[in-house]
């Protein structure tokens, strides 16, 4: 029922993509998504060498025989990695899909295409989606202003951005930002998406390695419990509203430098906070859809509820949306 060009390209049961999340998208997490019929990518940025990435890919393969991908982060990083080495490692290990995000993957497109690897690119603006199509990307993922992580400075909501991109490019489009249940899944497909990207919803599943304190915070949170920080760096990111986020906002209002912000926004600060369960330290990416999270089920339970719920919605609409007369 939900077969699209996205499911054909990725080789998955459902056009449901679990958002790549640094420190969360480990081999175990990705395998759980794959085994549930969704698609997910290992976050390569959490591994500090190509060998640790190679080991994580092999571990994932030992946990699932279903397709999965690897995300190559092209955002500026405080501790840069060798993009070429990571891409070569993915190719050598026989992973069939690479997801890029941040900057344009154009410098690496020939390397990826020659290896017959499919490329998904995640972006947040219409012109970036157009560029992705021009350089030969197979699937473009577009995220609106509601999303957790990095929206664009243009602040366009998914309800407008997604159909704009669908009308602009011919390659398959995956929509993300504000989707977290069966209703959002159907809405994205109705807007023209051939796949649906959900990140925040899957941070509150049992297989997620987040400390239980964060999962409890997600369940209690409302849709208003996120803020956008790092606008002053032209690198906006939507995060949970906590003491660190509010402190960063105050510093940005006063006018601050990257050097002054680093102790608050660095990945090491976040990793320490998540390990210790300190929900007020560090910046935790989180979408507005957190207001729709009310439980912490298994990965499979979430995927099944989305797909079964979507089928029920289609059946209900089929009965109610009949032509008059």
Protein backbone atom coordinates (compact mmCIF):
# COMPACT_ATOMS: atom_id res chain seq x y z
CA UNK A 1 0.00 0.00 0.00
CA UNK A 2 2.87 2.38 0.74
CA UNK A 3 5.20 1.50 -2.13
CA UNK A 4 6.91 4.57 -3.58
CA UNK A 5 10.10 5.39 -5.45
CA UNK A 6 11.71 5.85 -2.04
CA UNK A 7 10.91 2.30 -0.92
CA UNK A 8 12.16 0.99 -4.27
CA UNK A 9 15.45 2.89 -4.10
CA UNK A 10 16.11 2.05 -0.45
CA UNK A 11 14.73 -1.50 -0.59
CA UNK A 12 12.56 -1.08 2.52
CA UNK A 13 9.04 -2.11 3.46
CA UNK A 14 7.75 1.36 4.37
CA UNK A 15 8.56 4.91 3.20
CA UNK A 16 9.48 5.81 6.76
CA UNK A 17 12.92 7.26 7.48
CA UNK A 18 14.24 7.47 11.03
CA UNK A 19 16.15 10.73 11.29
CA UNK A 20 19.90 10.47 11.78
CA UNK A 21 20.81 11.76 15.23
CA UNK A 22 24.37 12.16 16.45
CA UNK A 23 25.19 9.95 19.48
CA UNK A 24 21.86 8.13 19.01
CA UNK A 25 22.08 6.56 15.55
CA UNK A 26 24.33 3.68 16.55
CA UNK A 27 24.40 0.24 15.00
CA UNK A 28 21.89 -1.14 17.49
CA UNK A 29 19.47 1.74 16.93
CA UNK A 30 19.76 1.57 13.14
CA UNK A 31 19.31 -2.22 13.11
CA UNK A 32 16.19 -1.93 15.26
CA UNK A 33 14.70 0.51 12.75
CA UNK A 34 15.63 -1.72 9.82
CA UNK A 35 14.14 -4.80 11.45
CA UNK A 36 10.91 -2.87 12.02
CA UNK A 37 10.61 -2.09 8.30
CA UNK A 38 11.87 1.51 8.39
CA UNK A 39 15.14 2.95 7.12
CA UNK A 40 17.89 4.53 9.22
CA UNK A 41 21.49 5.64 8.88
CA UNK A 42 24.49 5.27 11.15
CA UNK A 43 25.75 8.69 12.25
CA UNK A 44 29.37 8.54 11.09
CA UNK A 45 30.24 11.80 12.86
CA UNK A 46 30.21 10.06 16.24
CA UNK A 47 33.17 7.89 15.18
CA UNK A 48 36.60 9.46 15.27
CA UNK A 49 38.26 7.16 12.74
CA UNK A 50 37.37 5.18 9.65
CA UNK A 51 38.13 1.96 11.51
CA UNK A 52 35.62 2.67 14.29
CA UNK A 53 33.06 3.46 11.60
CA UNK A 54 33.94 0.22 9.81
CA UNK A 55 33.40 -1.73 13.02
CA UNK A 56 30.01 -0.09 13.56
CA UNK A 57 28.90 -0.96 10.03
CA UNK A 58 29.90 -4.58 10.58
CA UNK A 59 28.12 -4.67 13.93
CA UNK A 60 24.96 -3.34 12.28
CA UNK A 61 25.16 -6.03 9.62
CA UNK A 62 25.39 -8.65 12.35
CA UNK A 63 22.11 -7.36 13.83
CA UNK A 64 20.01 -7.06 10.67
CA UNK A 65 19.85 -8.36 7.13
CA UNK A 66 17.73 -5.38 6.06
CA UNK A 67 19.03 -2.28 4.22
CA UNK A 68 20.49 0.66 6.11
CA UNK A 69 22.68 3.63 5.28
CA UNK A 70 25.45 5.81 6.67
CA UNK A 71 25.16 9.55 7.21
CA UNK A 72 28.17 11.67 6.25
CA UNK A 73 27.93 14.98 8.08
CA UNK A 74 29.08 17.93 5.94
CA UNK A 75 28.35 20.59 8.55
CA UNK A 76 31.38 22.48 9.89
CA UNK A 77 32.74 20.55 12.88
CA UNK A 78 34.96 21.53 15.78
CA UNK A 79 36.81 18.24 15.21
CA UNK A 80 36.80 17.73 11.42
CA UNK A 81 36.86 14.24 9.93
CA UNK A 82 38.16 13.00 6.58
CA UNK A 83 35.05 12.93 4.42
CA UNK A 84 36.79 11.02 1.62
CA UNK A 85 38.04 8.32 4.00
CA UNK A 86 34.60 7.86 5.51
CA UNK A 87 32.94 7.61 2.09
CA UNK A 88 35.53 5.07 0.97
CA UNK A 89 34.93 3.03 4.13
CA UNK A 90 31.18 2.97 3.48
CA UNK A 91 31.78 1.85 -0.10
CA UNK A 92 34.32 -0.80 0.92
CA UNK A 93 31.87 -2.26 3.43
CA UNK A 94 29.15 -2.60 0.81
CA UNK A 95 26.61 -0.19 2.28
CA UNK A 96 24.24 0.77 -0.51
CA UNK A 97 23.06 4.19 0.66
CA UNK A 98 24.86 7.33 1.84
CA UNK A 99 22.99 10.24 3.38
CA UNK A 100 24.63 13.66 3.41
CA UNK A 101 23.56 16.75 5.31
CA UNK A 102 24.84 20.27 5.83
CA UNK A 103 26.75 21.49 2.79
CA UNK A 104 26.35 20.35 -0.79
CA UNK A 105 27.74 16.86 -1.51
CA UNK A 106 28.83 17.93 -5.02
CA UNK A 107 32.59 17.46 -4.34
CA UNK A 108 31.93 13.80 -3.51
CA UNK A 109 29.21 12.91 -6.02
CA UNK A 110 31.49 11.22 -8.57
CA UNK A 111 33.13 9.11 -5.89
CA UNK A 112 29.73 7.91 -4.65
CA UNK A 113 28.13 7.37 -8.05
CA UNK A 114 31.07 5.40 -9.45
CA UNK A 115 30.59 2.95 -6.59
CA UNK A 116 26.90 2.52 -7.55
CA UNK A 117 25.83 3.81 -4.12
CA UNK A 118 22.54 5.69 -3.78
CA UNK A 119 22.74 9.20 -2.34
CA UNK A 120 20.16 10.94 -0.15
CA UNK A 121 20.75 14.57 0.74
CA UNK A 122 19.00 16.37 3.59
CA UNK A 123 18.48 20.12 3.27
CA UNK A 124 16.13 22.88 4.38
CA UNK A 125 15.67 25.21 1.39
CA UNK A 126 14.05 24.91 -2.03
CA UNK A 127 17.20 26.06 -3.81
CA UNK A 128 19.25 23.42 -2.03
CA UNK A 129 16.81 20.73 -3.17
CA UNK A 130 17.11 22.04 -6.71
CA UNK A 131 20.90 21.87 -6.48
CA UNK A 132 20.72 18.33 -5.12
CA UNK A 133 18.74 17.24 -8.15
CA UNK A 134 21.10 19.01 -10.55
CA UNK A 135 24.23 17.28 -9.22
CA UNK A 136 22.65 13.81 -9.33
CA UNK A 137 21.28 13.07 -5.85
CA UNK A 138 18.81 10.16 -5.88
CA UNK A 139 16.51 11.29 -3.04
CA UNK A 140 16.19 14.71 -1.43
CA UNK A 141 15.05 15.06 2.17
CA UNK A 142 13.56 18.45 3.03
CA UNK A 143 12.97 19.64 6.60
CA UNK A 144 10.78 22.54 7.67
CA UNK A 145 11.14 25.01 10.51
CA UNK A 146 9.45 22.69 13.03
CA UNK A 147 12.25 20.16 12.83
CA UNK A 148 14.68 19.28 15.57
CA UNK A 149 18.25 20.04 14.64
CA UNK A 150 19.02 22.39 11.76
CA UNK A 151 16.20 24.30 10.03
CA UNK A 152 17.04 27.07 7.59
CA UNK A 153 17.40 30.75 8.35
CA UNK A 154 14.36 31.29 6.10
CA UNK A 155 12.04 29.78 8.76
CA UNK A 156 9.55 28.20 6.32
CA UNK A 157 7.23 25.60 7.81
CA UNK A 158 6.98 22.08 6.42
CA UNK A 159 3.37 22.62 5.35
CA UNK A 160 4.60 25.15 2.78
CA UNK A 161 8.16 23.97 2.14
CA UNK A 162 7.40 20.34 1.32
CA UNK A 163 4.90 20.92 -1.52
CA UNK A 164 7.14 23.70 -2.87
CA UNK A 165 10.00 21.23 -3.19
CA UNK A 166 7.74 18.52 -4.65
CA UNK A 167 6.64 21.01 -7.31
CA UNK A 168 10.25 22.05 -8.00
CA UNK A 169 12.14 18.77 -8.46
CA UNK A 170 11.44 15.50 -10.24
CA UNK A 171 13.48 13.21 -7.94
CA UNK A 172 11.70 11.58 -4.97
CA UNK A 173 11.19 13.85 -1.97
CA UNK A 174 11.19 12.84 1.70
CA UNK A 175 9.46 15.31 4.01
CA UNK A 176 10.46 15.99 7.60
CA UNK A 177 9.75 18.45 10.39
CA UNK A 178 6.65 18.16 12.56
CA UNK A 179 5.81 14.53 11.77
CA UNK A 180 5.62 11.99 14.58
CA UNK A 181 2.59 9.74 14.17
CA UNK A 182 0.23 8.20 11.60
CA UNK A 183 -1.53 11.52 11.01
CA UNK A 184 1.72 13.23 10.14
CA UNK A 185 2.76 10.30 7.95
CA UNK A 186 -0.43 10.56 5.88
CA UNK A 187 -0.21 14.36 5.77
CA UNK A 188 3.33 14.23 4.36
CA UNK A 189 2.29 11.79 1.65
CA UNK A 190 -0.74 13.98 0.86
CA UNK A 191 1.64 16.92 0.39
CA UNK A 192 3.49 14.95 -2.26
CA UNK A 193 6.29 13.30 -0.30
CA UNK A 194 7.28 9.75 -1.24
CA UNK A 195 8.87 9.20 2.16
CA UNK A 196 8.45 10.62 5.64
CA UNK A 197 11.30 11.60 7.96
CA UNK A 198 10.79 11.40 11.73
CA UNK A 199 13.53 12.06 14.25
CA UNK A 200 12.26 13.33 17.59
CA UNK A 201 9.60 10.61 17.88
CA UNK A 202 12.31 7.95 17.77
CA UNK A 203 14.37 9.56 20.51
CA UNK A 204 11.73 8.31 22.92
CA UNK A 205 11.86 4.59 22.13
CA UNK A 206 13.35 1.86 24.28
CA UNK A 207 16.18 1.13 21.83
CA UNK A 208 17.39 4.74 21.94
CA UNK A 209 20.51 5.10 24.07
CA UNK A 210 19.41 8.41 25.59
CA UNK A 211 19.40 8.49 29.40
CA UNK A 212 15.90 7.76 30.81
CA UNK A 213 15.79 11.30 32.23
CA UNK A 214 15.68 12.71 28.71
CA UNK A 215 12.97 10.31 27.61
CA UNK A 216 10.87 11.30 30.62
CA UNK A 217 11.43 14.95 29.73
CA UNK A 218 10.23 14.30 26.19
CA UNK A 219 7.05 12.65 27.43
CA UNK A 220 6.32 15.62 29.70
CA UNK A 221 7.21 18.28 27.14
CA UNK A 222 4.81 20.44 25.15
CA UNK A 223 5.24 21.71 21.62
CA UNK A 224 6.38 25.04 23.08
CA UNK A 225 9.31 23.49 24.96
CA UNK A 226 11.90 24.02 22.20
CA UNK A 227 13.93 27.07 21.18
CA UNK A 228 16.15 28.08 18.27
CA UNK A 229 19.76 28.86 19.20
CA UNK A 230 22.90 29.73 17.21
CA UNK A 231 21.13 32.20 14.92
CA UNK A 232 24.04 34.56 15.57
CA UNK A 233 26.35 31.97 14.01
CA UNK A 234 24.07 31.61 10.95
CA UNK A 235 23.73 27.98 12.04
CA UNK A 236 20.30 27.78 13.71
CA UNK A 237 19.42 24.66 15.64
CA UNK A 238 16.16 23.76 17.39
CA UNK A 239 16.80 22.26 20.82
CA UNK A 240 15.05 21.45 24.07
CA UNK A 241 14.35 24.45 26.25
CA UNK A 242 16.72 24.02 29.20
CA UNK A 243 19.14 26.12 31.25
CA UNK A 244 21.95 25.82 28.74
CA UNK A 245 19.71 26.78 25.78
CA UNK A 246 18.38 29.83 27.62
CA UNK A 247 21.91 30.84 28.60
CA UNK A 248 23.05 30.58 24.99
CA UNK A 249 20.09 32.71 23.88
CA UNK A 250 20.98 35.37 26.44
CA UNK A 251 24.62 35.37 25.32
CA UNK A 252 23.54 35.75 21.70
CA UNK A 253 21.29 38.69 22.59
CA UNK A 254 24.26 40.44 24.21
CA UNK A 255 26.47 39.72 21.23
CA UNK A 256 28.99 36.96 21.67
CA UNK A 257 31.72 35.09 19.84
CA UNK A 258 31.99 31.48 18.75
CA UNK A 259 34.86 31.02 21.20
CA UNK A 260 32.63 32.10 24.09
CA UNK A 261 29.83 29.79 22.97
CA UNK A 262 31.94 26.67 22.40
CA UNK A 263 31.83 25.45 26.04
CA UNK A 264 28.03 25.46 25.85
CA UNK A 265 27.42 24.16 22.32
CA UNK A 266 30.26 21.64 21.95
CA UNK A 267 29.37 18.01 21.39
CA UNK A 268 31.44 16.91 24.37
CA UNK A 269 29.18 18.94 26.67
CA UNK A 270 26.08 17.29 25.22
CA UNK A 271 27.56 13.80 25.38
CA UNK A 272 28.48 14.24 29.03
CA UNK A 273 24.99 15.52 29.84
CA UNK A 274 23.25 12.64 28.05
CA UNK A 275 25.46 10.07 29.73
CA UNK A 276 24.76 11.51 33.18
CA UNK A 277 21.09 12.26 32.57
CA UNK A 278 21.52 16.00 33.22
CA UNK A 279 18.70 17.47 31.12
CA UNK A 280 19.76 21.06 31.85
CA UNK A 281 23.31 20.76 30.50
CA UNK A 282 24.24 20.87 26.83
CA UNK A 283 22.06 21.39 23.79
CA UNK A 284 19.72 18.53 22.86
CA UNK A 285 18.19 18.72 19.37
CA UNK A 286 14.43 18.38 19.59
CA UNK A 287 11.53 19.15 17.26
CA UNK A 288 8.21 20.79 18.06
CA UNK A 289 6.58 17.41 17.51
CA UNK A 290 7.81 16.51 21.01
CA UNK A 291 4.39 17.76 22.12
CA UNK A 292 2.85 14.64 20.54
CA UNK A 293 5.05 12.17 22.43
CA UNK A 294 3.29 10.55 25.36
CA UNK A 295 5.05 7.21 25.86
CA UNK A 296 8.29 5.27 25.38
CA UNK A 297 7.44 2.16 23.33
CA UNK A 298 9.73 -0.07 21.28
CA UNK A 299 10.91 0.90 17.82
CA UNK A 300 8.66 -1.73 16.24
CA UNK A 301 5.65 -0.57 18.22
CA UNK A 302 6.11 2.97 16.92
CA UNK A 303 6.58 1.86 13.31
CA UNK A 304 3.58 -0.49 13.49
CA UNK A 305 1.39 2.21 15.03
CA UNK A 306 2.32 4.63 12.26
CA UNK A 307 1.67 2.19 9.43
CA UNK A 308 -1.47 0.63 10.90
CA UNK A 309 -2.77 4.05 11.87
CA UNK A 310 -2.13 5.36 8.36
CA UNK A 311 -4.07 2.45 6.85
CA UNK A 312 -6.99 3.20 9.19
CA UNK A 313 -6.90 6.89 8.16
CA UNK A 314 -7.01 5.99 4.48
CA UNK A 315 -9.95 3.66 5.10
CA UNK A 316 -11.81 6.37 7.04
CA UNK A 317 -11.14 8.98 4.36
CA UNK A 318 -12.27 6.56 1.68
CA UNK A 319 -15.64 6.32 3.39
CA UNK A 320 -16.09 10.02 4.12
CA UNK A 321 -14.58 11.76 1.10
CA UNK A 322 -17.04 10.61 -1.51
CA UNK A 323 -18.29 12.87 -4.34
CA UNK A 324 -21.69 14.36 -3.69
CA UNK A 325 -24.56 12.74 -5.52
